Amino acid sequence: MLAFSHYDFENDLGRVRPMTYVIAEPCIGTKDDSCVEVCPVDCIHPTPDEPGYDAAEMLYIDPAECIDCDACVEVCPVDAIFAEDQVPPEWQHYTAKNATYYGQGGS
């Protein structure tokens, strides 16, 4: 098993899987949609077409939907997306913030 933090989630098949990617502080106020456009499984929300997009301060990756493809990391113009085990120490709290957004607070 890969070394991830304690934020694990059940996917649709009932299997527990670790969080994959986390969007951190550089996204705040930027919300560049490049990551949304390249995501093959549409796991980054809110999208510009969804309610609440304008009010959201940043975007979030759904850990239950993410397939760990890395496409979002490559296109983010502000380098705000990190593998969960590579989030810089000063932004670790964004892992919990992402989990909370999806109603899966971890343990």
PDB file of N, CA and C in Angstrom:
ATOM      1  N   MET A   1       0.843  -1.184   0.000  1.00  0.00           N
ATOM      2  CA  MET A   1       0.000   0.000   0.000  1.00  0.00           C
ATOM      3  C   MET A   1       0.883   1.241   0.000  1.00  0.00           C
ATOM      4  N   LEU A   2       0.469   2.262  -0.704  1.00  0.00           N
ATOM      5  CA  LEU A   2       1.211   3.509  -0.754  1.00  0.00           C
ATOM      6  C   LEU A   2       1.122   4.233   0.576  1.00  0.00           C
ATOM      7  N   ALA A   3       2.111   5.052   0.869  1.00  0.00           N
ATOM      8  CA  ALA A   3       2.122   5.810   2.128  1.00  0.00           C
ATOM      9  C   ALA A   3       1.336   7.094   1.949  1.00  0.00           C
ATOM     10  N   PHE A   4       0.140   7.128   2.475  1.00  0.00           N
ATOM     11  CA  PHE A   4      -0.701   8.316   2.426  1.00  0.00           C
ATOM     12  C   PHE A   4      -1.103   8.673   3.846  1.00  0.00           C
ATOM     13  N   SER A   5      -1.668   9.840   4.016  1.00  0.00           N
ATOM     14  CA  SER A   5      -2.130  10.234   5.346  1.00  0.00           C
ATOM     15  C   SER A   5      -3.372   9.439   5.715  1.00  0.00           C
ATOM     16  N   HIS A   6      -4.010   9.850   6.776  1.00  0.00           N
ATOM     17  CA  HIS A   6      -5.159   9.123   7.297  1.00  0.00           C
ATOM     18  C   HIS A   6      -6.468   9.462   6.603  1.00  0.00           C
ATOM     19  N   TYR A   7      -6.443  10.150   5.502  1.00  0.00           N
ATOM     20  CA  TYR A   7      -7.670  10.499   4.797  1.00  0.00           C
ATOM     21  C   TYR A   7      -7.966   9.437   3.750  1.00  0.00           C
ATOM     22  N   ASP A   8      -8.778   8.462   4.124  1.00  0.00           N
ATOM     23  CA  ASP A   8      -9.175   7.389   3.225  1.00  0.00           C
ATOM     24  C   ASP A   8     -10.663   7.523   2.934  1.00  0.00           C
ATOM     25  N   PHE A   9     -11.074   7.058   1.743  1.00  0.00           N
ATOM     26  CA  PHE A   9     -12.455   7.196   1.317  1.00  0.00           C
ATOM     27  C   PHE A   9     -12.911   5.916   0.670  1.00  0.00           C
ATOM     28  N   GLU A  10     -14.218   5.647   0.759  1.00  0.00           N
ATOM     29  CA  GLU A  10     -14.786   4.506   0.070  1.00  0.00           C
ATOM     30  C   GLU A  10     -15.211   4.945  -1.310  1.00  0.00           C
ATOM     31  N   ASN A  11     -14.833   4.181  -2.326  1.00  0.00           N
ATOM     32  CA  ASN A  11     -15.299   4.488  -3.666  1.00  0.00           C
ATOM     33  C   ASN A  11     -16.643   3.800  -3.899  1.00  0.00           C
ATOM     34  N   ASP A  12     -17.170   3.909  -5.114  1.00  0.00           N
ATOM     35  CA  ASP A  12     -18.489   3.344  -5.413  1.00  0.00           C
ATOM     36  C   ASP A  12     -18.544   1.831  -5.265  1.00  0.00           C
ATOM     37  N   LEU A  13     -17.400   1.178  -5.313  1.00  0.00           N
ATOM     38  CA  LEU A  13     -17.364  -0.269  -5.175  1.00  0.00           C
ATOM     39  C   LEU A  13     -17.214  -0.695  -3.719  1.00  0.00           C
ATOM     40  N   GLY A  14     -17.201   0.270  -2.796  1.00  0.00           N
ATOM     41  CA  GLY A  14     -17.068  -0.041  -1.386  1.00  0.00           C
ATOM     42  C   GLY A  14     -15.637  -0.282  -0.953  1.00  0.00           C
ATOM     43  N   ARG A  15     -14.706  -0.044  -1.841  1.00  0.00           N
ATOM     44  CA  ARG A  15     -13.291  -0.225  -1.501  1.00  0.00           C
ATOM     45  C   ARG A  15     -12.725   1.070  -0.957  1.00  0.00           C
ATOM     46  N   VAL A  16     -11.909   0.946   0.063  1.00  0.00           N
ATOM     47  CA  VAL A  16     -11.274   2.128   0.635  1.00  0.00           C
ATOM     48  C   VAL A  16     -10.077   2.488  -0.232  1.00  0.00           C
ATOM     49  N   ARG A  17      -9.994   3.772  -0.580  1.00  0.00           N
ATOM     50  CA  ARG A  17      -8.841   4.230  -1.341  1.00  0.00           C
ATOM     51  C   ARG A  17      -8.368   5.540  -0.749  1.00  0.00           C
ATOM     52  N   PRO A  18      -7.080   5.786  -0.768  1.00  0.00           N
ATOM     53  CA  PRO A  18      -6.565   7.030  -0.199  1.00  0.00           C
ATOM     54  C   PRO A  18      -6.916   8.215  -1.080  1.00  0.00           C
ATOM     55  N   MET A  19      -6.859   9.382  -0.485  1.00  0.00           N
ATOM     56  CA  MET A  19      -6.994  10.589  -1.271  1.00  0.00           C
ATOM     57  C   MET A  19      -5.871  10.606  -2.275  1.00  0.00           C
ATOM     58  N   THR A  20      -6.116  11.130  -3.434  1.00  0.00           N
ATOM     59  CA  THR A  20      -5.097  11.128  -4.470  1.00  0.00           C
ATOM     60  C   THR A  20      -4.423  12.487  -4.600  1.00  0.00           C
ATOM     61  N   TYR A  21      -5.162  13.482  -5.020  1.00  0.00           N
ATOM     62  CA  TYR A  21      -4.602  14.820  -5.203  1.00  0.00           C
ATOM     63  C   TYR A  21      -5.368  15.843  -4.384  1.00  0.00           C
ATOM     64  N   VAL A  22      -4.667  16.898  -4.023  1.00  0.00           N
ATOM     65  CA  VAL A  22      -5.227  17.965  -3.194  1.00  0.00           C
ATOM     66  C   VAL A  22      -4.938  19.296  -3.874  1.00  0.00           C
ATOM     67  N   ILE A  23      -5.939  20.153  -3.929  1.00  0.00           N
ATOM     68  CA  ILE A  23      -5.743  21.512  -4.425  1.00  0.00           C
ATOM     69  C   ILE A  23      -5.507  22.398  -3.209  1.00  0.00           C
ATOM     70  N   ALA A  24      -4.450  23.203  -3.266  1.00  0.00           N
ATOM     71  CA  ALA A  24      -4.031  23.998  -2.108  1.00  0.00           C
ATOM     72  C   ALA A  24      -4.157  25.499  -2.362  1.00  0.00           C
ATOM     73  N   GLU A  25      -3.587  26.263  -1.471  1.00  0.00           N
ATOM     74  CA  GLU A  25      -3.742  27.727  -1.400  1.00  0.00           C
ATOM     75  C   GLU A  25      -3.560  28.508  -2.699  1.00  0.00           C
ATOM     76  N   PRO A  26      -2.614  28.164  -3.567  1.00  0.00           N
ATOM     77  CA  PRO A  26      -2.464  28.987  -4.783  1.00  0.00           C
ATOM     78  C   PRO A  26      -3.728  29.076  -5.640  1.00  0.00           C
ATOM     79  N   CYS A  27      -4.653  28.148  -5.468  1.00  0.00           N
ATOM     80  CA  CYS A  27      -5.892  28.179  -6.239  1.00  0.00           C
ATOM     81  C   CYS A  27      -6.847  29.270  -5.750  1.00  0.00           C
ATOM     82  N   ILE A  28      -6.731  29.650  -4.506  1.00  0.00           N
ATOM     83  CA  ILE A  28      -7.658  30.639  -3.939  1.00  0.00           C
ATOM     84  C   ILE A  28      -7.588  31.931  -4.741  1.00  0.00           C
ATOM     85  N   GLY A  29      -8.748  32.349  -5.198  1.00  0.00           N
ATOM     86  CA  GLY A  29      -8.840  33.579  -5.970  1.00  0.00           C
ATOM     87  C   GLY A  29      -8.471  33.411  -7.439  1.00  0.00           C
ATOM     88  N   THR A  30      -7.896  32.278  -7.792  1.00  0.00           N
ATOM     89  CA  THR A  30      -7.496  32.041  -9.185  1.00  0.00           C
ATOM     90  C   THR A  30      -8.546  31.217  -9.897  1.00  0.00           C
ATOM     91  N   LYS A  31      -8.842  30.045  -9.353  1.00  0.00           N
ATOM     92  CA  LYS A  31      -9.829  29.120  -9.927  1.00  0.00           C
ATOM     93  C   LYS A  31      -9.688  28.996 -11.439  1.00  0.00           C
ATOM     94  N   ASP A  32      -8.466  28.820 -11.912  1.00  0.00           N
ATOM     95  CA  ASP A  32      -8.253  28.587 -13.336  1.00  0.00           C
ATOM     96  C   ASP A  32      -8.891  27.244 -13.682  1.00  0.00           C
ATOM     97  N   ASP A  33      -9.649  27.190 -14.750  1.00  0.00           N
ATOM     98  CA  ASP A  33     -10.407  25.986 -15.096  1.00  0.00           C
ATOM     99  C   ASP A  33      -9.642  25.003 -15.971  1.00  0.00           C
ATOM    100  N   SER A  34      -8.361  25.201 -16.161  1.00  0.00           N
ATOM    101  CA  SER A  34      -7.581  24.277 -16.990  1.00  0.00           C
ATOM    102  C   SER A  34      -7.674  22.854 -16.455  1.00  0.00           C
ATOM    103  N   CYS A  35      -7.625  22.710 -15.141  1.00  0.00           N
ATOM    104  CA  CYS A  35      -7.690  21.373 -14.543  1.00  0.00           C
ATOM    105  C   CYS A  35      -9.042  20.727 -14.786  1.00  0.00           C
ATOM    106  N   VAL A  36     -10.092  21.506 -14.705  1.00  0.00           N
ATOM    107  CA  VAL A  36     -11.446  20.994 -14.946  1.00  0.00           C
ATOM    108  C   VAL A  36     -11.556  20.489 -16.381  1.00  0.00           C
ATOM    109  N   GLU A  37     -10.992  21.236 -17.312  1.00  0.00           N
ATOM    110  CA  GLU A  37     -11.086  20.893 -18.732  1.00  0.00           C
ATOM    111  C   GLU A  37     -10.342  19.606 -19.083  1.00  0.00           C
ATOM    112  N   VAL A  38      -9.217  19.324 -18.426  1.00  0.00           N
ATOM    113  CA  VAL A  38      -8.432  18.135 -18.791  1.00  0.00           C
ATOM    114  C   VAL A  38      -8.803  16.884 -17.998  1.00  0.00           C
ATOM    115  N   CYS A  39      -9.559  17.023 -16.960  1.00  0.00           N
ATOM    116  CA  CYS A  39      -9.893  15.863 -16.128  1.00  0.00           C
ATOM    117  C   CYS A  39     -10.769  14.884 -16.913  1.00  0.00           C
ATOM    118  N   PRO A  40     -10.287  13.644 -17.096  1.00  0.00           N
ATOM    119  CA  PRO A  40     -11.061  12.685 -17.884  1.00  0.00           C
ATOM    120  C   PRO A  40     -12.294  12.126 -17.172  1.00  0.00           C
ATOM    121  N   VAL A  41     -12.392  12.328 -15.854  1.00  0.00           N
ATOM    122  CA  VAL A  41     -13.533  11.791 -15.112  1.00  0.00           C
ATOM    123  C   VAL A  41     -14.368  12.876 -14.427  1.00  0.00           C
ATOM    124  N   ASP A  42     -14.104  14.122 -14.759  1.00  0.00           N
ATOM    125  CA  ASP A  42     -14.870  15.247 -14.201  1.00  0.00           C
ATOM    126  C   ASP A  42     -14.954  15.217 -12.680  1.00  0.00           C
ATOM    127  N   CYS A  43     -13.803  15.093 -12.019  1.00  0.00           N
ATOM    128  CA  CYS A  43     -13.806  14.993 -10.554  1.00  0.00           C
ATOM    129  C   CYS A  43     -13.438  16.304  -9.860  1.00  0.00           C
ATOM    130  N   ILE A  44     -13.257  17.386 -10.606  1.00  0.00           N
ATOM    131  CA  ILE A  44     -12.876  18.670 -10.007  1.00  0.00           C
ATOM    132  C   ILE A  44     -14.089  19.589 -10.020  1.00  0.00           C
ATOM    133  N   HIS A  45     -14.424  20.086  -8.822  1.00  0.00           N
ATOM    134  CA  HIS A  45     -15.638  20.897  -8.662  1.00  0.00           C
ATOM    135  C   HIS A  45     -15.390  22.071  -7.732  1.00  0.00           C
ATOM    136  N   PRO A  46     -16.228  23.071  -7.746  1.00  0.00           N
ATOM    137  CA  PRO A  46     -17.335  23.248  -8.668  1.00  0.00           C
ATOM    138  C   PRO A  46     -16.830  23.680 -10.049  1.00  0.00           C
ATOM    139  N   THR A  47     -17.552  23.282 -11.071  1.00  0.00           N
ATOM    140  CA  THR A  47     -17.217  23.701 -12.428  1.00  0.00           C
ATOM    141  C   THR A  47     -17.931  25.027 -12.692  1.00  0.00           C
ATOM    142  N   PRO A  48     -17.524  25.750 -13.718  1.00  0.00           N
ATOM    143  CA  PRO A  48     -18.193  27.025 -14.023  1.00  0.00           C
ATOM    144  C   PRO A  48     -19.686  26.884 -14.290  1.00  0.00           C
ATOM    145  N   ASP A  49     -20.140  25.701 -14.667  1.00  0.00           N
ATOM    146  CA  ASP A  49     -21.561  25.483 -14.955  1.00  0.00           C
ATOM    147  C   ASP A  49     -22.377  25.069 -13.736  1.00  0.00           C
ATOM    148  N   GLU A  50     -21.727  24.862 -12.604  1.00  0.00           N
ATOM    149  CA  GLU A  50     -22.424  24.390 -11.406  1.00  0.00           C
ATOM    150  C   GLU A  50     -22.810  25.549 -10.489  1.00  0.00           C
ATOM    151  N   PRO A  51     -23.917  25.367  -9.768  1.00  0.00           N
ATOM    152  CA  PRO A  51     -24.299  26.376  -8.774  1.00  0.00           C
ATOM    153  C   PRO A  51     -23.194  26.494  -7.725  1.00  0.00           C
ATOM    154  N   GLY A  52     -22.955  27.683  -7.261  1.00  0.00           N
ATOM    155  CA  GLY A  52     -21.963  27.898  -6.218  1.00  0.00           C
ATOM    156  C   GLY A  52     -20.558  28.157  -6.721  1.00  0.00           C
ATOM    157  N   TYR A  53     -20.358  28.091  -8.033  1.00  0.00           N
ATOM    158  CA  TYR A  53     -19.019  28.300  -8.583  1.00  0.00           C
ATOM    159  C   TYR A  53     -18.488  29.690  -8.221  1.00  0.00           C
ATOM    160  N   ASP A  54     -19.308  30.704  -8.426  1.00  0.00           N
ATOM    161  CA  ASP A  54     -18.848  32.079  -8.155  1.00  0.00           C
ATOM    162  C   ASP A  54     -18.538  32.299  -6.682  1.00  0.00           C
ATOM    163  N   ALA A  55     -19.265  31.645  -5.806  1.00  0.00           N
ATOM    164  CA  ALA A  55     -19.054  31.814  -4.366  1.00  0.00           C
ATOM    165  C   ALA A  55     -17.872  31.004  -3.838  1.00  0.00           C
ATOM    166  N   ALA A  56     -17.508  29.953  -4.521  1.00  0.00           N
ATOM    167  CA  ALA A  56     -16.406  29.091  -4.055  1.00  0.00           C
ATOM    168  C   ALA A  56     -15.077  29.827  -4.193  1.00  0.00           C
ATOM    169  N   GLU A  57     -14.258  29.740  -3.155  1.00  0.00           N
ATOM    170  CA  GLU A  57     -12.977  30.438  -3.209  1.00  0.00           C
ATOM    171  C   GLU A  57     -11.919  29.675  -3.992  1.00  0.00           C
ATOM    172  N   MET A  58     -12.153  28.359  -4.180  1.00  0.00           N
ATOM    173  CA  MET A  58     -11.192  27.523  -4.881  1.00  0.00           C
ATOM    174  C   MET A  58     -11.902  26.293  -5.432  1.00  0.00           C
ATOM    175  N   LEU A  59     -11.152  25.448  -6.129  1.00  0.00           N
ATOM    176  CA  LEU A  59     -11.684  24.197  -6.660  1.00  0.00           C
ATOM    177  C   LEU A  59     -11.248  23.043  -5.768  1.00  0.00           C
ATOM    178  N   TYR A  60     -11.933  21.911  -5.886  1.00  0.00           N
ATOM    179  CA  TYR A  60     -11.660  20.744  -5.054  1.00  0.00           C
ATOM    180  C   TYR A  60     -11.700  19.480  -5.898  1.00  0.00           C
ATOM    181  N   ILE A  61     -10.871  18.506  -5.555  1.00  0.00           N
ATOM    182  CA  ILE A  61     -10.837  17.224  -6.258  1.00  0.00           C
ATOM    183  C   ILE A  61     -11.593  16.188  -5.434  1.00  0.00           C
ATOM    184  N   ASP A  62     -12.551  15.528  -6.078  1.00  0.00           N
ATOM    185  CA  ASP A  62     -13.340  14.500  -5.412  1.00  0.00           C
ATOM    186  C   ASP A  62     -12.497  13.227  -5.311  1.00  0.00           C
ATOM    187  N   PRO A  63     -12.110  12.822  -4.110  1.00  0.00           N
ATOM    188  CA  PRO A  63     -11.244  11.655  -3.952  1.00  0.00           C
ATOM    189  C   PRO A  63     -11.907  10.340  -4.345  1.00  0.00           C
ATOM    190  N   ALA A  64     -13.227  10.300  -4.333  1.00  0.00           N
ATOM    191  CA  ALA A  64     -13.930   9.076  -4.717  1.00  0.00           C
ATOM    192  C   ALA A  64     -13.974   8.902  -6.235  1.00  0.00           C
ATOM    193  N   GLU A  65     -13.816  10.000  -6.967  1.00  0.00           N
ATOM    194  CA  GLU A  65     -13.899   9.953  -8.424  1.00  0.00           C
ATOM    195  C   GLU A  65     -12.535  10.013  -9.107  1.00  0.00           C
ATOM    196  N   CYS A  66     -11.561  10.614  -8.463  1.00  0.00           N
ATOM    197  CA  CYS A  66     -10.237  10.811  -9.063  1.00  0.00           C
ATOM    198  C   CYS A  66      -9.590   9.462  -9.402  1.00  0.00           C
ATOM    199  N   ILE A  67      -9.019   9.372 -10.600  1.00  0.00           N
ATOM    200  CA  ILE A  67      -8.361   8.134 -11.030  1.00  0.00           C
ATOM    201  C   ILE A  67      -6.837   8.255 -10.965  1.00  0.00           C
ATOM    202  N   ASP A  68      -6.347   9.309 -10.342  1.00  0.00           N
ATOM    203  CA  ASP A  68      -4.911   9.444 -10.102  1.00  0.00           C
ATOM    204  C   ASP A  68      -4.108   9.539 -11.407  1.00  0.00           C
ATOM    205  N   CYS A  69      -4.639  10.262 -12.399  1.00  0.00           N
ATOM    206  CA  CYS A  69      -3.995  10.311 -13.712  1.00  0.00           C
ATOM    207  C   CYS A  69      -2.931  11.401 -13.829  1.00  0.00           C
ATOM    208  N   ASP A  70      -2.950  12.403 -12.924  1.00  0.00           N
ATOM    209  CA  ASP A  70      -1.937  13.454 -12.917  1.00  0.00           C
ATOM    210  C   ASP A  70      -2.164  14.552 -13.956  1.00  0.00           C
ATOM    211  N   ALA A  71      -3.212  14.463 -14.764  1.00  0.00           N
ATOM    212  CA  ALA A  71      -3.432  15.452 -15.821  1.00  0.00           C
ATOM    213  C   ALA A  71      -3.617  16.861 -15.255  1.00  0.00           C
ATOM    214  N   CYS A  72      -4.308  16.973 -14.140  1.00  0.00           N
ATOM    215  CA  CYS A  72      -4.575  18.287 -13.543  1.00  0.00           C
ATOM    216  C   CYS A  72      -3.304  18.962 -13.041  1.00  0.00           C
ATOM    217  N   VAL A  73      -2.392  18.169 -12.518  1.00  0.00           N
ATOM    218  CA  VAL A  73      -1.139  18.715 -11.970  1.00  0.00           C
ATOM    219  C   VAL A  73      -0.360  19.422 -13.063  1.00  0.00           C
ATOM    220  N   GLU A  74      -0.301  18.811 -14.218  1.00  0.00           N
ATOM    221  CA  GLU A  74       0.501  19.338 -15.326  1.00  0.00           C
ATOM    222  C   GLU A  74      -0.027  20.655 -15.876  1.00  0.00           C
ATOM    223  N   VAL A  75      -1.337  20.866 -15.843  1.00  0.00           N
ATOM    224  CA  VAL A  75      -1.903  22.068 -16.463  1.00  0.00           C
ATOM    225  C   VAL A  75      -2.154  23.223 -15.507  1.00  0.00           C
ATOM    226  N   CYS A  76      -2.050  23.000 -14.221  1.00  0.00           N
ATOM    227  CA  CYS A  76      -2.348  24.067 -13.258  1.00  0.00           C
ATOM    228  C   CYS A  76      -1.324  25.195 -13.395  1.00  0.00           C
ATOM    229  N   PRO A  77      -1.776  26.395 -13.767  1.00  0.00           N
ATOM    230  CA  PRO A  77      -0.835  27.492 -13.999  1.00  0.00           C
ATOM    231  C   PRO A  77      -0.237  28.089 -12.721  1.00  0.00           C
ATOM    232  N   VAL A  78      -0.824  27.759 -11.564  1.00  0.00           N
ATOM    233  CA  VAL A  78      -0.310  28.312 -10.303  1.00  0.00           C
ATOM    234  C   VAL A  78       0.281  27.235  -9.400  1.00  0.00           C
ATOM    235  N   ASP A  79       0.474  26.040  -9.932  1.00  0.00           N
ATOM    236  CA  ASP A  79       1.061  24.925  -9.174  1.00  0.00           C
ATOM    237  C   ASP A  79       0.366  24.708  -7.830  1.00  0.00           C
ATOM    238  N   ALA A  80      -0.953  24.592  -7.886  1.00  0.00           N
ATOM    239  CA  ALA A  80      -1.742  24.437  -6.669  1.00  0.00           C
ATOM    240  C   ALA A  80      -2.131  22.995  -6.384  1.00  0.00           C
ATOM    241  N   ILE A  81      -1.821  22.055  -7.280  1.00  0.00           N
ATOM    242  CA  ILE A  81      -2.287  20.677  -7.129  1.00  0.00           C
ATOM    243  C   ILE A  81      -1.108  19.770  -6.800  1.00  0.00           C
ATOM    244  N   PHE A  82      -1.288  18.993  -5.731  1.00  0.00           N
ATOM    245  CA  PHE A  82      -0.227  18.120  -5.230  1.00  0.00           C
ATOM    246  C   PHE A  82      -0.762  16.721  -4.987  1.00  0.00           C
ATOM    247  N   ALA A  83       0.099  15.733  -5.186  1.00  0.00           N
ATOM    248  CA  ALA A  83      -0.235  14.394  -4.711  1.00  0.00           C
ATOM    249  C   ALA A  83      -0.411  14.520  -3.204  1.00  0.00           C
ATOM    250  N   GLU A  84      -1.356  13.791  -2.642  1.00  0.00           N
ATOM    251  CA  GLU A  84      -1.690  13.960  -1.217  1.00  0.00           C
ATOM    252  C   GLU A  84      -0.481  13.800  -0.308  1.00  0.00           C
ATOM    253  N   ASP A  85       0.432  12.928  -0.657  1.00  0.00           N
ATOM    254  CA  ASP A  85       1.608  12.726   0.192  1.00  0.00           C
ATOM    255  C   ASP A  85       2.737  13.702  -0.105  1.00  0.00           C
ATOM    256  N   GLN A  86       2.496  14.679  -0.994  1.00  0.00           N
ATOM    257  CA  GLN A  86       3.511  15.671  -1.332  1.00  0.00           C
ATOM    258  C   GLN A  86       3.050  17.106  -1.086  1.00  0.00           C
ATOM    259  N   VAL A  87       1.942  17.263  -0.383  1.00  0.00           N
ATOM    260  CA  VAL A  87       1.463  18.608  -0.065  1.00  0.00           C
ATOM    261  C   VAL A  87       2.479  19.262   0.866  1.00  0.00           C
ATOM    262  N   PRO A  88       2.946  20.474   0.541  1.00  0.00           N
ATOM    263  CA  PRO A  88       3.910  21.147   1.413  1.00  0.00           C
ATOM    264  C   PRO A  88       3.361  21.311   2.832  1.00  0.00           C
ATOM    265  N   PRO A  89       4.242  21.257   3.827  1.00  0.00           N
ATOM    266  CA  PRO A  89       3.802  21.334   5.232  1.00  0.00           C
ATOM    267  C   PRO A  89       2.881  22.515   5.533  1.00  0.00           C
ATOM    268  N   GLU A  90       3.160  23.657   4.957  1.00  0.00           N
ATOM    269  CA  GLU A  90       2.344  24.842   5.254  1.00  0.00           C
ATOM    270  C   GLU A  90       0.935  24.757   4.669  1.00  0.00           C
ATOM    271  N   TRP A  91       0.698  23.820   3.783  1.00  0.00           N
ATOM    272  CA  TRP A  91      -0.613  23.664   3.166  1.00  0.00           C
ATOM    273  C   TRP A  91      -1.275  22.331   3.496  1.00  0.00           C
ATOM    274  N   GLN A  92      -0.772  21.606   4.473  1.00  0.00           N
ATOM    275  CA  GLN A  92      -1.332  20.304   4.845  1.00  0.00           C
ATOM    276  C   GLN A  92      -2.820  20.389   5.184  1.00  0.00           C
ATOM    277  N   HIS A  93      -3.251  21.504   5.763  1.00  0.00           N
ATOM    278  CA  HIS A  93      -4.652  21.626   6.160  1.00  0.00           C
ATOM    279  C   HIS A  93      -5.613  21.628   4.961  1.00  0.00           C
ATOM    280  N   TYR A  94      -5.086  21.811   3.757  1.00  0.00           N
ATOM    281  CA  TYR A  94      -5.945  21.757   2.570  1.00  0.00           C
ATOM    282  C   TYR A  94      -6.394  20.332   2.265  1.00  0.00           C
ATOM    283  N   THR A  95      -5.691  19.337   2.771  1.00  0.00           N
ATOM    284  CA  THR A  95      -6.134  17.959   2.609  1.00  0.00           C
ATOM    285  C   THR A  95      -7.462  17.781   3.343  1.00  0.00           C
ATOM    286  N   ALA A  96      -7.534  18.245   4.570  1.00  0.00           N
ATOM    287  CA  ALA A  96      -8.773  18.163   5.343  1.00  0.00           C
ATOM    288  C   ALA A  96      -9.857  19.052   4.742  1.00  0.00           C
ATOM    289  N   LYS A  97      -9.467  20.220   4.245  1.00  0.00           N
ATOM    290  CA  LYS A  97     -10.433  21.139   3.647  1.00  0.00           C
ATOM    291  C   LYS A  97     -11.084  20.500   2.423  1.00  0.00           C
ATOM    292  N   ASN A  98     -10.277  19.813   1.607  1.00  0.00           N
ATOM    293  CA  ASN A  98     -10.808  19.121   0.441  1.00  0.00           C
ATOM    294  C   ASN A  98     -11.764  18.007   0.868  1.00  0.00           C
ATOM    295  N   ALA A  99     -11.366  17.238   1.874  1.00  0.00           N
ATOM    296  CA  ALA A  99     -12.208  16.150   2.373  1.00  0.00           C
ATOM    297  C   ALA A  99     -13.525  16.687   2.922  1.00  0.00           C
ATOM    298  N   THR A 100     -13.462  17.780   3.635  1.00  0.00           N
ATOM    299  CA  THR A 100     -14.662  18.387   4.205  1.00  0.00           C
ATOM    300  C   THR A 100     -15.612  18.867   3.110  1.00  0.00           C
ATOM    301  N   TYR A 101     -15.059  19.412   2.039  1.00  0.00           N
ATOM    302  CA  TYR A 101     -15.891  19.873   0.921  1.00  0.00           C
ATOM    303  C   TYR A 101     -16.748  18.737   0.382  1.00  0.00           C
ATOM    304  N   TYR A 102     -16.191  17.544   0.350  1.00  0.00           N
ATOM    305  CA  TYR A 102     -16.924  16.385  -0.152  1.00  0.00           C
ATOM    306  C   TYR A 102     -17.644  15.620   0.948  1.00  0.00           C
ATOM    307  N   GLY A 103     -17.669  16.177   2.159  1.00  0.00           N
ATOM    308  CA  GLY A 103     -18.416  15.562   3.253  1.00  0.00           C
ATOM    309  C   GLY A 103     -17.811  14.269   3.750  1.00  0.00           C
ATOM    310  N   GLN A 104     -16.488  14.138   3.599  1.00  0.00           N
ATOM    311  CA  GLN A 104     -15.810  12.921   4.012  1.00  0.00           C
ATOM    312  C   GLN A 104     -14.637  13.319   4.907  1.00  0.00           C
ATOM    313  N   GLY A 105     -14.909  13.710   6.098  1.00  0.00           N
ATOM    314  CA  GLY A 105     -13.927  14.313   6.970  1.00  0.00           C
ATOM    315  C   GLY A 105     -12.750  13.478   7.395  1.00  0.00           C
ATOM    316  N   GLY A 106     -12.659  12.237   7.050  1.00  0.00           N
ATOM    317  CA  GLY A 106     -11.513  11.430   7.476  1.00  0.00           C
ATOM    318  C   GLY A 106     -11.575  11.166   8.963  1.00  0.00           C
ATOM    319  N   SER A 107     -10.508  10.605   9.498  1.00  0.00           N
ATOM    320  CA  SER A 107     -10.518  10.287  10.931  1.00  0.00           C
ATOM    321  C   SER A 107      -9.403  10.982  11.641  1.00  0.00           C
TER     322      SER A 107
END
